[in-house]
Amino acid sequence: MSLFSFELKLFWTNRLNKWLLLTYLVAGVIAIALSQAKIERELDHYQFSQAHYQDDIQHYRDQYDKNQLLPGYMGYYLFHPVSQTPQAWSAIFRGELDETATHLRVRLLGLQSQVNATAPGNVDAQRFGQFDLSFLWLYLMPLLIAAMSINVLADEKNTGRWPMLVAQVPKGTRLIFRKMTIPALMVLIVNIVLLVVATLITSISLDSNWFGVLAQIILYQLCWWFICGWIVFLNKEASFNYLSFITIWLVFTFVVPGLAYLYQIQQQDAGKDAAIVFEQRQYMNDSWDKDKKADFAAYLALFPQWTPTAPLGDDEFDWRWYYGQQQMSDVIVADLVSQRHQTQLASYQQGQAFSWFSPVMSMQYGFNRLANADTLAKLDFNQQIEQYHQQIRHFFWSIYFPDKAFEEADFDEIPAFNYSSNIGSGLWQSLLKLLVITAVFAALMWQQLHRFHEH
């Protein structure tokens, strides 16, 4: 029997190792099932919203058939659904999807008040967090690796077997590496099994991103293996090894991300969303007491494409003035919206900079980008909503301002929202960061290994 086979047999005779791996595997399968169920509920919700929207359209069709349709009121009361359709990888990497609103209903009023006054996602999920496959890999996998390998040398010394093993094995460090490699391989096999299960259960396909995720898992696991190896060859007691690893784990999982979060918060202007809503609504409230003809003239001067329209009459209310003021309310907060966009983008870039100092953050940023579940996805979704809102404005304005009759065929021409995901190369950037961090700990372990041999 080879030494590797013998060490593998010893590994499996340890019931704790079996239970740890089994628990890890079961937890991973549960995480995949829960995430997939959540995605299916979201898709059902989107379909329900679309069905409700079609019912509303049918209601206005019925009014048209009865010659009771008032296009101005239809523009006011018709809510158009917009959804950030979940991607395949978001079935196992939730990212920030539960922290932001991924489904809204917008109408022809000022857009920014509608976007910024919406509840930011699932409040319950924000309170308790989420259990997905990325949580298992990011936070629990390092602890599993350490539990099975951090004290291989300390245990041999405590039992008094180390002098005998060194005498029998030409190079004692090879035995230590073998004892550390076996649990790492077992964990890797379980991780591959979980990735295959996720591929079978969800809509994930076997493409370059699949192999990129696998490469990232391997590199992330290798990083923590080198961390364990460095601690092992410090040649300290078991308690010191545990304390050292937990300290490093806490620094990478909580301290560095926490410092990044605090720095990002300090760079942001708190209450920007509330300020946008306040400014927009205040403008609309003040508009009712102003000269409507002067305000309408100012609107047409800013948007001359609607100039060929009849002047306002002496009536107290005109839909053209009202909708024009709603659009003007978006115009006056455009600078605030742009500043918020730039602030959020800068915050994301600051987090990317901090991720160079934490393998956990590096891997998380890569997963979130792949799943289209990060700040960039949120900003892109908001921009697509703005573009869509402009489309439905143009559609209805083309009827209101020329004072055209709303025809039955126009119902089919109402613009529909089509979300387009924009997934970049975040996964490969994350691999580069992980490679650098892994190389640092590989060098530290190599240096400590030489010191170990000298003693």
Protein backbone atom coordinates (compact mmCIF):
# COMPACT_ATOMS: atom_id res chain seq x y z
CA MET A 1 0.00 0.00 0.00
CA SER A 2 1.40 3.42 -1.00
CA LEU A 3 1.86 6.13 1.59
CA PHE A 4 -0.85 8.21 -0.08
CA SER A 5 -3.36 5.35 0.10
CA PHE A 6 -2.42 4.77 3.70
CA GLU A 7 -2.95 8.43 4.61
CA LEU A 8 -6.24 8.42 2.72
CA LYS A 9 -7.39 5.42 4.74
CA LEU A 10 -6.39 7.18 7.97
CA PHE A 11 -8.33 10.24 6.87
CA TRP A 12 -11.53 8.24 6.34
CA THR A 13 -11.20 6.41 9.64
CA ASN A 14 -11.75 9.77 11.33
CA ARG A 15 -15.51 10.10 11.77
CA LEU A 16 -15.25 13.87 12.25
CA ASN A 17 -13.82 14.26 8.74
CA LYS A 18 -16.70 12.24 7.29
CA TRP A 19 -19.33 14.25 9.12
CA LEU A 20 -17.73 17.57 8.18
CA LEU A 21 -17.66 16.69 4.48
CA LEU A 22 -21.18 15.25 4.54
CA THR A 23 -22.56 18.30 6.34
CA TYR A 24 -20.77 20.57 3.88
CA LEU A 25 -22.22 18.66 0.91
CA VAL A 26 -25.77 18.64 2.30
CA ALA A 27 -25.56 22.35 3.16
CA GLY A 28 -24.44 23.09 -0.41
CA VAL A 29 -27.31 21.15 -1.95
CA ILE A 30 -29.78 22.91 0.35
CA ALA A 31 -28.30 26.30 -0.59
CA ILE A 32 -28.71 25.52 -4.30
CA ALA A 33 -32.30 24.31 -3.83
CA LEU A 34 -33.27 27.37 -1.77
CA SER A 35 -31.75 29.79 -4.26
CA GLN A 36 -33.39 28.09 -7.21
CA ALA A 37 -36.76 28.13 -5.46
CA LYS A 38 -36.32 31.85 -4.83
CA ILE A 39 -35.53 32.49 -8.48
CA GLU A 40 -38.62 30.56 -9.54
CA ARG A 41 -40.78 32.62 -7.14
CA GLU A 42 -39.34 35.81 -8.60
CA LEU A 43 -40.07 34.66 -12.15
CA ASP A 44 -43.62 33.75 -11.13
CA HIS A 45 -44.00 37.21 -9.60
CA TYR A 46 -42.81 38.84 -12.82
CA GLN A 47 -45.25 36.77 -14.87
CA PHE A 48 -48.08 37.72 -12.51
CA SER A 49 -47.17 41.38 -12.88
CA GLN A 50 -47.17 41.07 -16.67
CA ALA A 51 -50.55 39.33 -16.58
CA HIS A 52 -51.95 42.11 -14.38
CA TYR A 53 -50.56 44.67 -16.81
CA GLN A 54 -52.30 42.96 -19.73
CA ASP A 55 -55.52 42.98 -17.73
CA ASP A 56 -55.16 46.74 -17.32
CA ILE A 57 -54.58 47.12 -21.06
CA GLN A 58 -57.68 45.06 -21.73
CA HIS A 59 -59.65 47.30 -19.37
CA TYR A 60 -58.72 50.35 -21.44
CA ARG A 61 -59.52 48.45 -24.64
CA ASP A 62 -62.99 47.85 -23.26
CA GLN A 63 -63.32 51.56 -22.50
CA TYR A 64 -62.25 52.34 -26.04
CA ASP A 65 -64.92 50.01 -27.43
CA LYS A 66 -67.50 51.85 -25.32
CA ASN A 67 -66.18 55.28 -26.43
CA GLN A 68 -65.29 56.00 -22.80
CA LEU A 69 -61.48 56.06 -23.12
CA LEU A 70 -59.75 59.18 -21.81
CA PRO A 71 -56.10 58.99 -22.95
CA GLY A 72 -54.95 61.51 -20.34
CA TYR A 73 -56.29 59.40 -17.51
CA MET A 74 -54.89 56.23 -19.05
CA GLY A 75 -51.41 57.77 -19.02
CA TYR A 76 -51.85 58.65 -15.37
CA TYR A 77 -53.27 55.38 -14.06
CA LEU A 78 -51.53 52.82 -16.27
CA PHE A 79 -48.53 51.31 -14.47
CA HIS A 80 -45.86 49.75 -16.68
CA PRO A 81 -43.89 46.85 -15.11
CA VAL A 82 -40.09 46.86 -15.30
CA SER A 83 -38.04 43.92 -14.01
CA GLN A 84 -34.37 43.10 -13.65
CA THR A 85 -34.63 39.56 -14.98
CA PRO A 86 -32.40 37.21 -12.95
CA GLN A 87 -29.51 35.61 -14.79
CA ALA A 88 -28.51 31.93 -14.69
CA TRP A 89 -25.73 32.39 -12.13
CA SER A 90 -27.93 34.46 -9.84
CA ALA A 91 -29.63 31.17 -8.97
CA ILE A 92 -26.63 30.34 -6.76
CA PHE A 93 -25.01 33.76 -6.28
CA ARG A 94 -27.63 36.15 -4.86
CA GLY A 95 -25.24 39.07 -4.41
CA GLU A 96 -27.08 42.34 -3.82
CA LEU A 97 -30.35 41.24 -5.41
CA ASP A 98 -32.15 41.23 -2.05
CA GLU A 99 -30.84 44.69 -1.16
CA THR A 100 -32.19 46.56 -4.18
CA ALA A 101 -35.52 46.78 -5.94
CA THR A 102 -35.46 44.48 -8.97
CA HIS A 103 -39.10 45.00 -9.94
CA LEU A 104 -41.00 48.28 -10.24
CA ARG A 105 -44.09 49.70 -11.87
CA VAL A 106 -43.66 53.11 -13.44
CA ARG A 107 -46.12 55.55 -14.95
CA LEU A 108 -45.94 58.90 -16.74
CA LEU A 109 -45.26 60.96 -13.62
CA GLY A 110 -41.83 62.12 -12.50
CA LEU A 111 -39.62 59.06 -12.67
CA GLN A 112 -37.12 59.76 -9.92
CA SER A 113 -39.76 59.96 -7.19
CA GLN A 114 -41.08 56.59 -8.29
CA VAL A 115 -37.63 54.97 -8.35
CA ASN A 116 -36.29 56.46 -5.13
CA ALA A 117 -39.44 56.12 -3.06
CA THR A 118 -39.59 52.35 -3.65
CA ALA A 119 -38.77 49.86 -0.88
CA PRO A 120 -35.17 48.64 -1.40
CA GLY A 121 -35.76 44.95 -1.96
CA ASN A 122 -36.62 42.21 0.49
CA VAL A 123 -36.54 43.62 4.02
CA ASP A 124 -36.57 40.17 5.65
CA ALA A 125 -33.62 39.03 3.55
CA GLN A 126 -31.69 42.15 4.56
CA ARG A 127 -32.36 41.43 8.22
CA PHE A 128 -31.33 37.78 8.29
CA GLY A 129 -29.05 37.59 5.28
CA GLN A 130 -29.16 34.91 2.64
CA PHE A 131 -27.84 31.38 2.43
CA ASP A 132 -26.57 30.61 -1.04
CA LEU A 133 -23.65 28.73 -2.53
CA SER A 134 -21.39 31.77 -2.48
CA PHE A 135 -21.91 32.04 1.31
CA LEU A 136 -20.85 28.40 1.68
CA TRP A 137 -17.76 28.86 -0.46
CA LEU A 138 -16.73 32.26 0.81
CA TYR A 139 -17.13 31.79 4.55
CA LEU A 140 -17.53 28.12 5.44
CA MET A 141 -15.09 26.45 3.06
CA PRO A 142 -11.99 28.06 4.67
CA LEU A 143 -13.17 26.89 8.09
CA LEU A 144 -13.67 23.37 6.76
CA ILE A 145 -10.18 23.27 5.27
CA ALA A 146 -8.65 24.52 8.51
CA ALA A 147 -10.63 22.09 10.68
CA MET A 148 -9.14 19.12 8.83
CA SER A 149 -5.57 20.30 8.25
CA ILE A 150 -4.47 23.13 10.53
CA ASN A 151 -3.11 20.84 13.26
CA VAL A 152 -1.61 17.91 11.33
CA LEU A 153 1.87 18.69 12.65
CA ALA A 154 0.80 19.72 16.16
CA ASP A 155 -1.22 16.49 16.56
CA GLU A 156 1.71 14.33 15.50
CA LYS A 157 3.93 16.06 18.03
CA ASN A 158 1.39 15.89 20.84
CA THR A 159 1.01 12.12 20.39
CA GLY A 160 4.77 11.63 20.23
CA ARG A 161 4.69 10.09 16.74
CA TRP A 162 6.60 12.84 14.99
CA PRO A 163 10.18 11.68 15.82
CA MET A 164 9.31 8.15 14.69
CA LEU A 165 7.67 9.38 11.46
CA VAL A 166 10.64 11.59 10.64
CA ALA A 167 12.95 8.62 11.14
CA GLN A 168 10.89 6.46 8.75
CA VAL A 169 10.13 9.06 6.08
CA PRO A 170 13.12 10.57 4.23
CA LYS A 171 11.64 14.06 4.43
CA GLY A 172 9.09 14.70 7.16
CA THR A 173 7.59 17.72 5.42
CA ARG A 174 6.40 15.49 2.58
CA LEU A 175 4.29 13.61 5.07
CA ILE A 176 2.81 16.87 6.35
CA PHE A 177 2.02 18.01 2.82
CA ARG A 178 0.37 14.67 2.13
CA LYS A 179 -1.75 14.93 5.25
CA MET A 180 -2.81 18.47 4.24
CA THR A 181 -3.41 17.61 0.59
CA ILE A 182 -5.87 14.75 1.18
CA PRO A 183 -8.55 16.83 2.97
CA ALA A 184 -8.04 19.63 0.44
CA LEU A 185 -8.69 17.19 -2.41
CA MET A 186 -11.80 15.88 -0.65
CA VAL A 187 -13.16 19.40 -0.27
CA LEU A 188 -12.38 20.13 -3.93
CA ILE A 189 -14.25 17.00 -5.02
CA VAL A 190 -17.29 18.08 -2.97
CA ASN A 191 -17.10 21.58 -4.48
CA ILE A 192 -17.04 20.13 -8.01
CA VAL A 193 -20.01 17.93 -7.14
CA LEU A 194 -21.91 20.99 -5.90
CA LEU A 195 -21.08 22.90 -9.08
CA VAL A 196 -22.31 19.98 -11.19
CA VAL A 197 -25.51 19.74 -9.10
CA ALA A 198 -26.08 23.47 -9.57
CA THR A 199 -25.62 23.02 -13.32
CA LEU A 200 -28.20 20.22 -13.41
CA ILE A 201 -30.79 21.94 -11.19
CA THR A 202 -30.53 25.49 -12.50
CA SER A 203 -30.21 27.04 -15.95
CA ILE A 204 -26.41 27.34 -15.68
CA SER A 205 -24.70 26.09 -18.82
CA LEU A 206 -21.30 24.49 -19.33
CA ASP A 207 -19.38 27.37 -20.90
CA SER A 208 -16.30 29.50 -20.29
CA ASN A 209 -17.90 31.11 -17.24
CA TRP A 210 -18.47 27.65 -15.73
CA PHE A 211 -14.80 26.82 -16.01
CA GLY A 212 -13.96 30.31 -14.78
CA VAL A 213 -15.98 29.69 -11.62
CA LEU A 214 -14.25 26.33 -11.18
CA ALA A 215 -10.85 27.98 -11.58
CA GLN A 216 -11.80 30.61 -9.03
CA ILE A 217 -12.92 27.96 -6.52
CA ILE A 218 -9.66 26.05 -6.97
CA LEU A 219 -7.55 29.18 -6.58
CA TYR A 220 -9.55 30.37 -3.56
CA GLN A 221 -9.19 26.98 -1.91
CA LEU A 222 -5.47 26.94 -2.73
CA CYS A 223 -5.10 30.36 -1.09
CA TRP A 224 -6.53 29.09 2.18
CA TRP A 225 -4.45 25.91 1.88
CA PHE A 226 -1.30 28.02 1.73
CA ILE A 227 -2.52 30.01 4.72
CA CYS A 228 -2.97 26.76 6.67
CA GLY A 229 0.44 25.53 5.51
CA TRP A 230 2.12 28.73 6.64
CA ILE A 231 0.53 28.40 10.08
CA VAL A 232 1.38 24.68 10.31
CA PHE A 233 5.07 25.27 9.63
CA LEU A 234 5.22 27.98 12.26
CA ASN A 235 5.53 24.85 14.41
CA LYS A 236 3.37 26.08 17.29
CA GLU A 237 0.82 24.52 19.60
CA ALA A 238 -2.69 23.61 18.43
CA SER A 239 -4.31 26.49 20.29
CA PHE A 240 -1.96 28.96 18.61
CA ASN A 241 -2.76 27.49 15.19
CA TYR A 242 -6.51 27.79 15.71
CA LEU A 243 -6.21 31.34 17.03
CA SER A 244 -3.95 32.39 14.17
CA PHE A 245 -6.24 31.00 11.52
CA ILE A 246 -9.41 32.47 13.06
CA THR A 247 -7.67 35.84 13.27
CA ILE A 248 -6.74 35.75 9.58
CA TRP A 249 -10.21 34.53 8.66
CA LEU A 250 -11.83 37.35 10.64
CA VAL A 251 -9.56 39.94 9.04
CA PHE A 252 -10.38 38.78 5.52
CA THR A 253 -14.10 38.21 6.07
CA PHE A 254 -15.05 41.03 8.43
CA VAL A 255 -12.29 43.54 9.15
CA VAL A 256 -11.24 44.42 5.59
CA PRO A 257 -14.84 44.40 4.22
CA GLY A 258 -15.95 46.40 7.28
CA LEU A 259 -13.25 49.02 6.76
CA ALA A 260 -14.17 49.19 3.08
CA TYR A 261 -17.82 49.70 3.99
CA LEU A 262 -17.04 52.45 6.51
CA TYR A 263 -14.81 54.24 4.02
CA GLN A 264 -17.47 54.00 1.31
CA ILE A 265 -20.13 55.36 3.67
CA GLN A 266 -17.95 58.35 4.58
CA GLN A 267 -17.47 59.20 0.90
CA GLN A 268 -21.20 59.20 0.20
CA ASP A 269 -23.69 61.98 0.77
CA ALA A 270 -26.31 60.48 3.07
CA GLY A 271 -29.92 61.22 2.22
CA LYS A 272 -29.34 61.81 -1.48
CA ASP A 273 -32.35 59.68 -2.47
CA ALA A 274 -34.60 61.55 -0.04
CA ALA A 275 -33.33 64.87 -1.37
CA ILE A 276 -34.22 63.84 -4.92
CA VAL A 277 -37.75 62.86 -3.91
CA PHE A 278 -38.21 66.05 -1.88
CA GLU A 279 -36.96 68.38 -4.63
CA GLN A 280 -39.13 66.73 -7.26
CA ARG A 281 -42.32 66.74 -5.23
CA GLN A 282 -41.71 70.28 -4.02
CA TYR A 283 -41.38 71.45 -7.61
CA MET A 284 -44.69 69.84 -8.55
CA ASN A 285 -46.47 71.28 -5.51
CA ASP A 286 -45.19 74.77 -6.31
CA SER A 287 -46.19 74.44 -9.97
CA TRP A 288 -49.89 74.53 -9.14
CA ASP A 289 -49.54 78.11 -7.83
CA LYS A 290 -47.46 79.43 -10.73
CA ASP A 291 -48.38 80.86 -14.12
CA LYS A 292 -49.21 77.69 -16.07
CA LYS A 293 -48.85 79.33 -19.47
CA ALA A 294 -45.40 80.65 -18.62
CA ASP A 295 -44.31 77.27 -17.27
CA PHE A 296 -45.65 75.53 -20.36
CA ALA A 297 -43.78 77.96 -22.61
CA ALA A 298 -40.58 77.28 -20.67
CA TYR A 299 -41.14 73.55 -21.12
CA LEU A 300 -41.63 73.89 -24.89
CA ALA A 301 -38.49 76.02 -25.10
CA LEU A 302 -36.54 73.17 -23.47
CA PHE A 303 -38.22 70.49 -25.59
CA PRO A 304 -38.87 72.19 -28.96
CA GLN A 305 -39.88 68.90 -30.63
CA TRP A 306 -43.33 69.42 -29.08
CA THR A 307 -43.63 73.06 -30.15
CA PRO A 308 -46.25 72.46 -32.90
CA THR A 309 -48.98 72.22 -30.28
CA ALA A 310 -51.95 74.43 -29.52
CA PRO A 311 -51.47 77.04 -26.80
CA LEU A 312 -52.94 76.46 -23.40
CA GLY A 313 -56.50 77.62 -22.94
CA ASP A 314 -57.96 79.36 -19.93
CA ASP A 315 -59.02 76.11 -18.29
CA GLU A 316 -57.68 75.31 -14.84
CA PHE A 317 -56.15 72.05 -15.99
CA ASP A 318 -54.51 70.69 -19.13
CA TRP A 319 -52.90 67.28 -19.42
CA ARG A 320 -50.11 68.67 -21.60
CA TRP A 321 -49.11 71.16 -18.92
CA TYR A 322 -49.36 68.53 -16.20
CA TYR A 323 -47.22 65.95 -17.95
CA GLY A 324 -44.79 68.64 -19.08
CA GLN A 325 -44.31 69.72 -15.46
CA GLN A 326 -43.81 66.10 -14.45
CA GLN A 327 -40.99 65.83 -16.96
CA MET A 328 -39.58 69.18 -15.78
CA SER A 329 -39.50 67.80 -12.25
CA ASP A 330 -37.11 65.13 -13.53
CA VAL A 331 -35.04 67.78 -15.25
CA ILE A 332 -34.48 69.86 -12.11
CA VAL A 333 -33.18 66.85 -10.17
CA ALA A 334 -31.05 65.54 -13.06
CA ASP A 335 -27.84 66.90 -11.49
CA LEU A 336 -28.63 65.21 -8.17
CA VAL A 337 -29.32 61.95 -9.97
CA SER A 338 -26.06 62.21 -11.89
CA GLN A 339 -24.14 62.94 -8.69
CA ARG A 340 -25.71 59.93 -6.98
CA HIS A 341 -24.79 57.73 -9.94
CA GLN A 342 -21.19 58.90 -9.85
CA THR A 343 -21.04 58.44 -6.07
CA GLN A 344 -22.34 54.88 -6.25
CA LEU A 345 -19.94 54.06 -9.08
CA ALA A 346 -17.03 55.52 -7.12
CA SER A 347 -18.11 53.51 -4.07
CA TYR A 348 -18.05 50.32 -6.14
CA GLN A 349 -14.58 51.14 -7.45
CA GLN A 350 -13.38 51.81 -3.90
CA GLY A 351 -14.65 48.39 -2.86
CA GLN A 352 -12.77 46.86 -5.79
CA ALA A 353 -9.60 48.52 -4.53
CA PHE A 354 -10.09 47.08 -1.03
CA SER A 355 -10.69 43.62 -2.50
CA TRP A 356 -6.99 43.39 -3.36
CA PHE A 357 -6.43 42.88 0.37
CA SER A 358 -9.02 40.15 0.92
CA PRO A 359 -9.53 36.90 -1.02
CA VAL A 360 -13.11 36.85 0.29
CA MET A 361 -13.93 40.24 -1.22
CA SER A 362 -12.12 39.38 -4.45
CA MET A 363 -14.13 36.22 -4.96
CA GLN A 364 -17.39 37.89 -3.92
CA TYR A 365 -16.97 40.74 -6.40
CA GLY A 366 -16.31 38.20 -9.15
CA PHE A 367 -19.35 36.10 -8.31
CA ASN A 368 -21.65 39.13 -8.01
CA ARG A 369 -20.51 40.48 -11.37
CA LEU A 370 -21.03 37.12 -13.05
CA ALA A 371 -24.52 36.87 -11.55
CA ASN A 372 -25.27 40.48 -12.56
CA ALA A 373 -26.13 41.10 -8.92
CA ASP A 374 -23.89 43.99 -7.89
CA THR A 375 -23.85 47.79 -7.86
CA LEU A 376 -23.05 47.96 -11.58
CA ALA A 377 -26.15 45.88 -12.31
CA LYS A 378 -28.27 48.21 -10.17
CA LEU A 379 -26.96 51.33 -11.93
CA ASP A 380 -27.46 49.73 -15.33
CA PHE A 381 -31.02 48.71 -14.41
CA ASN A 382 -31.84 52.27 -13.35
CA GLN A 383 -30.50 53.62 -16.62
CA GLN A 384 -32.60 51.14 -18.59
CA ILE A 385 -35.66 52.24 -16.62
CA GLU A 386 -34.92 55.87 -17.51
CA GLN A 387 -34.59 54.96 -21.19
CA TYR A 388 -37.84 52.99 -21.10
CA HIS A 389 -39.65 55.80 -19.29
CA GLN A 390 -38.52 58.15 -22.02
CA GLN A 391 -39.94 55.74 -24.62
CA ILE A 392 -43.40 55.64 -23.07
CA ARG A 393 -43.27 59.41 -22.61
CA HIS A 394 -42.53 59.88 -26.30
CA PHE A 395 -45.33 57.47 -27.20
CA PHE A 396 -48.01 59.26 -25.19
CA TRP A 397 -46.66 62.75 -25.86
CA SER A 398 -47.00 62.00 -29.60
CA ILE A 399 -50.72 61.65 -28.92
CA TYR A 400 -51.29 64.36 -26.30
CA PHE A 401 -49.42 67.27 -27.83
CA PRO A 402 -50.71 67.03 -31.43
CA ASP A 403 -54.14 66.31 -29.89
CA LYS A 404 -54.44 63.09 -31.87
CA ALA A 405 -57.19 60.58 -31.31
CA PHE A 406 -56.07 57.39 -29.61
CA GLU A 407 -56.69 54.56 -32.07
CA GLU A 408 -57.30 50.91 -31.23
CA ALA A 409 -54.08 49.93 -33.00
CA ASP A 410 -52.15 52.19 -30.61
CA PHE A 411 -52.66 49.70 -27.79
CA ASP A 412 -50.28 47.31 -29.54
CA GLU A 413 -47.72 50.08 -29.97
CA ILE A 414 -47.32 50.87 -26.27
CA PRO A 415 -43.59 50.22 -25.57
CA ALA A 416 -42.72 47.18 -23.47
CA PHE A 417 -39.71 46.97 -21.18
CA ASN A 418 -37.03 44.49 -22.24
CA TYR A 419 -34.21 44.09 -19.75
CA SER A 420 -30.74 43.52 -21.14
CA SER A 421 -28.05 42.26 -18.76
CA ASN A 422 -24.54 43.64 -19.05
CA ILE A 423 -22.09 41.09 -17.63
CA GLY A 424 -18.46 42.17 -17.76
CA SER A 425 -15.15 40.49 -17.06
CA GLY A 426 -15.32 40.72 -13.27
CA LEU A 427 -14.67 37.00 -12.89
CA TRP A 428 -11.29 37.20 -14.58
CA GLN A 429 -10.31 40.31 -12.63
CA SER A 430 -11.17 38.41 -9.48
CA LEU A 431 -8.95 35.53 -10.59
CA LEU A 432 -6.04 37.93 -10.98
CA LYS A 433 -6.52 39.31 -7.48
CA LEU A 434 -6.80 35.81 -6.00
CA LEU A 435 -3.65 34.79 -7.85
CA VAL A 436 -1.70 37.70 -6.32
CA ILE A 437 -2.97 37.03 -2.78
CA THR A 438 -2.33 33.29 -3.16
CA ALA A 439 1.20 33.98 -4.38
CA VAL A 440 1.86 36.09 -1.27
CA PHE A 441 0.88 33.28 1.11
CA ALA A 442 2.68 30.70 -1.02
CA ALA A 443 5.85 32.76 -0.59
CA LEU A 444 5.24 33.06 3.16
CA MET A 445 4.78 29.29 3.47
CA TRP A 446 7.87 28.60 1.38
CA GLN A 447 9.93 30.94 3.56
CA GLN A 448 8.61 29.35 6.75
CA LEU A 449 9.28 25.89 5.34
CA HIS A 450 12.95 26.72 4.96
CA ARG A 451 13.07 27.95 8.55
CA PHE A 452 11.36 24.72 9.65
CA HIS A 453 14.03 22.63 7.94
CA GLU A 454 16.79 24.66 9.55
CA HIS A 455 15.44 23.80 12.99
